[in-house]
């Protein structure tokens, strides 16, 4: 069962990213939204994405932009709009919100 993990808190102030990545399955994905967008700079998440131990990692571009963050095109993250979030929720069997 594929799970979509919604990460709403930054990994520099909370341990949610560490806890989330500890239970990730091969077909799971992460969406960075709200203050979770600050995790873009977290080496742990970057390493997971680059080593392809994480199926997909999405960033809601409106939330990153609101925090003066940009998602480089060469980054392993996929930029999506807030409208795409609803579509993704229906593609997964369940979701967990880390907040």
C-alpha atoms as a PDB file:
ATOM      1  CA  UNK A   1       0.000   0.000   0.000  1.00  0.00           C
ATOM      2  CA  UNK A   2       1.521   3.249  -1.158  1.00  0.00           C
ATOM      3  CA  UNK A   3       1.463   6.107   1.319  1.00  0.00           C
ATOM      4  CA  UNK A   4       1.766   9.818   0.673  1.00  0.00           C
ATOM      5  CA  UNK A   5       3.615  11.598   3.492  1.00  0.00           C
ATOM      6  CA  UNK A   6       2.694  15.268   3.885  1.00  0.00           C
ATOM      7  CA  UNK A   7       5.571  16.984   5.662  1.00  0.00           C
ATOM      8  CA  UNK A   8       4.369  20.322   7.082  1.00  0.00           C
ATOM      9  CA  UNK A   9       7.226  21.146   9.509  1.00  0.00           C
ATOM     10  CA  UNK A  10      10.810  22.030   8.777  1.00  0.00           C
ATOM     11  CA  UNK A  11      13.359  19.356   9.564  1.00  0.00           C
ATOM     12  CA  UNK A  12      15.623  21.844  11.304  1.00  0.00           C
ATOM     13  CA  UNK A  13      13.072  22.456  14.067  1.00  0.00           C
ATOM     14  CA  UNK A  14      11.278  19.084  14.272  1.00  0.00           C
ATOM     15  CA  UNK A  15      12.214  15.408  13.991  1.00  0.00           C
ATOM     16  CA  UNK A  16       9.335  14.565  11.671  1.00  0.00           C
ATOM     17  CA  UNK A  17      11.582  14.072   8.636  1.00  0.00           C
ATOM     18  CA  UNK A  18      13.737  11.545  10.493  1.00  0.00           C
ATOM     19  CA  UNK A  19      10.673   9.711  11.786  1.00  0.00           C
ATOM     20  CA  UNK A  20       9.011   9.805   8.367  1.00  0.00           C
ATOM     21  CA  UNK A  21      12.020   8.469   6.467  1.00  0.00           C
ATOM     22  CA  UNK A  22      12.414   5.658   9.002  1.00  0.00           C
ATOM     23  CA  UNK A  23       9.096   4.137   7.919  1.00  0.00           C
ATOM     24  CA  UNK A  24       9.145   4.887   4.177  1.00  0.00           C
ATOM     25  CA  UNK A  25       8.292   2.042   1.848  1.00  0.00           C
ATOM     26  CA  UNK A  26       9.563   1.782  -1.725  1.00  0.00           C
ATOM     27  CA  UNK A  27       6.360   3.079  -3.284  1.00  0.00           C
ATOM     28  CA  UNK A  28       5.805   5.943  -0.804  1.00  0.00           C
ATOM     29  CA  UNK A  29       6.252   9.616  -1.635  1.00  0.00           C
ATOM     30  CA  UNK A  30       6.771  12.822   0.320  1.00  0.00           C
ATOM     31  CA  UNK A  31       5.231  16.230  -0.275  1.00  0.00           C
ATOM     32  CA  UNK A  32       6.881  19.258   1.294  1.00  0.00           C
ATOM     33  CA  UNK A  33       4.292  21.905   2.108  1.00  0.00           C
ATOM     34  CA  UNK A  34       3.957  24.815   4.491  1.00  0.00           C
ATOM     35  CA  UNK A  35       7.131  25.037   6.637  1.00  0.00           C
ATOM     36  CA  UNK A  36       8.102  21.578   5.420  1.00  0.00           C
ATOM     37  CA  UNK A  37       9.518  23.402   2.390  1.00  0.00           C
ATOM     38  CA  UNK A  38      12.476  24.392   4.565  1.00  0.00           C
ATOM     39  CA  UNK A  39      13.511  20.724   4.359  1.00  0.00           C
ATOM     40  CA  UNK A  40      14.652  21.441   0.793  1.00  0.00           C
ATOM     41  CA  UNK A  41      18.048  22.264   2.309  1.00  0.00           C
ATOM     42  CA  UNK A  42      18.197  19.165   4.515  1.00  0.00           C
ATOM     43  CA  UNK A  43      21.086  16.899   3.453  1.00  0.00           C
ATOM     44  CA  UNK A  44      19.245  13.812   4.734  1.00  0.00           C
ATOM     45  CA  UNK A  45      16.347  14.321   2.340  1.00  0.00           C
ATOM     46  CA  UNK A  46      18.624  15.283  -0.537  1.00  0.00           C
ATOM     47  CA  UNK A  47      20.628  12.102  -0.011  1.00  0.00           C
ATOM     48  CA  UNK A  48      17.493   9.936   0.007  1.00  0.00           C
ATOM     49  CA  UNK A  49      16.325  11.470  -3.245  1.00  0.00           C
ATOM     50  CA  UNK A  50      19.697  11.224  -4.950  1.00  0.00           C
ATOM     51  CA  UNK A  51      20.180   7.599  -3.914  1.00  0.00           C
ATOM     52  CA  UNK A  52      16.680   6.874  -5.235  1.00  0.00           C
ATOM     53  CA  UNK A  53      15.639   5.395  -1.911  1.00  0.00           C
ATOM     54  CA  UNK A  54      12.608   7.617  -2.154  1.00  0.00           C
ATOM     55  CA  UNK A  55      10.177   7.088  -4.986  1.00  0.00           C
ATOM     56  CA  UNK A  56       9.125  10.711  -5.347  1.00  0.00           C
ATOM     57  CA  UNK A  57       9.552  13.912  -3.393  1.00  0.00           C
ATOM     58  CA  UNK A  58       7.275  16.795  -4.306  1.00  0.00           C
ATOM     59  CA  UNK A  59       7.400  20.445  -3.285  1.00  0.00           C
ATOM     60  CA  UNK A  60       4.387  22.720  -3.501  1.00  0.00           C
ATOM     61  CA  UNK A  61       5.875  25.636  -5.377  1.00  0.00           C
ATOM     62  CA  UNK A  62       3.462  28.240  -3.977  1.00  0.00           C
ATOM     63  CA  UNK A  63       4.471  27.305  -0.427  1.00  0.00           C
ATOM     64  CA  UNK A  64       8.191  27.382  -1.226  1.00  0.00           C
ATOM     65  CA  UNK A  65       7.840  30.740  -2.968  1.00  0.00           C
ATOM     66  CA  UNK A  66       5.937  32.197   0.000  1.00  0.00           C
ATOM     67  CA  UNK A  67       8.995  31.347   2.123  1.00  0.00           C
ATOM     68  CA  UNK A  68      11.445  32.885  -0.375  1.00  0.00           C
ATOM     69  CA  UNK A  69      12.704  29.429  -1.356  1.00  0.00           C
ATOM     70  CA  UNK A  70      13.331  28.279  -4.883  1.00  0.00           C
ATOM     71  CA  UNK A  71      13.488  24.737  -6.164  1.00  0.00           C
ATOM     72  CA  UNK A  72      16.409  24.437  -8.585  1.00  0.00           C
ATOM     73  CA  UNK A  73      15.563  22.614 -11.795  1.00  0.00           C
ATOM     74  CA  UNK A  74      18.476  20.197 -11.277  1.00  0.00           C
ATOM     75  CA  UNK A  75      17.217  19.267  -7.821  1.00  0.00           C
ATOM     76  CA  UNK A  76      15.753  15.784  -7.279  1.00  0.00           C
ATOM     77  CA  UNK A  77      12.468  17.328  -6.111  1.00  0.00           C
ATOM     78  CA  UNK A  78       9.427  17.722  -8.319  1.00  0.00           C
ATOM     79  CA  UNK A  79       7.711  21.105  -8.178  1.00  0.00           C
ATOM     80  CA  UNK A  80       3.930  20.904  -8.158  1.00  0.00           C
ATOM     81  CA  UNK A  81       1.094  23.362  -7.683  1.00  0.00           C
ATOM     82  CA  UNK A  82      -1.326  23.258  -4.787  1.00  0.00           C
ATOM     83  CA  UNK A  83      -3.984  22.006  -7.230  1.00  0.00           C
ATOM     84  CA  UNK A  84      -1.920  18.894  -7.939  1.00  0.00           C
ATOM     85  CA  UNK A  85      -1.981  17.946  -4.248  1.00  0.00           C
ATOM     86  CA  UNK A  86      -5.604  16.801  -4.456  1.00  0.00           C
ATOM     87  CA  UNK A  87      -4.823  14.683  -7.509  1.00  0.00           C
ATOM     88  CA  UNK A  88      -1.891  13.022  -5.745  1.00  0.00           C
ATOM     89  CA  UNK A  89      -3.982  12.210  -2.678  1.00  0.00           C
ATOM     90  CA  UNK A  90      -6.239  10.065  -4.865  1.00  0.00           C
ATOM     91  CA  UNK A  91      -3.272   8.223  -6.408  1.00  0.00           C
ATOM     92  CA  UNK A  92      -2.118   6.802  -3.064  1.00  0.00           C
ATOM     93  CA  UNK A  93      -3.787   4.243  -0.818  1.00  0.00           C
ATOM     94  CA  UNK A  94      -3.443   6.459   2.256  1.00  0.00           C
ATOM     95  CA  UNK A  95      -1.660   9.505   3.611  1.00  0.00           C
ATOM     96  CA  UNK A  96       0.071  10.626   6.788  1.00  0.00           C
ATOM     97  CA  UNK A  97       0.400  14.264   7.766  1.00  0.00           C
ATOM     98  CA  UNK A  98       3.540  15.114   9.736  1.00  0.00           C
ATOM     99  CA  UNK A  99       2.923  18.396  11.545  1.00  0.00           C
END
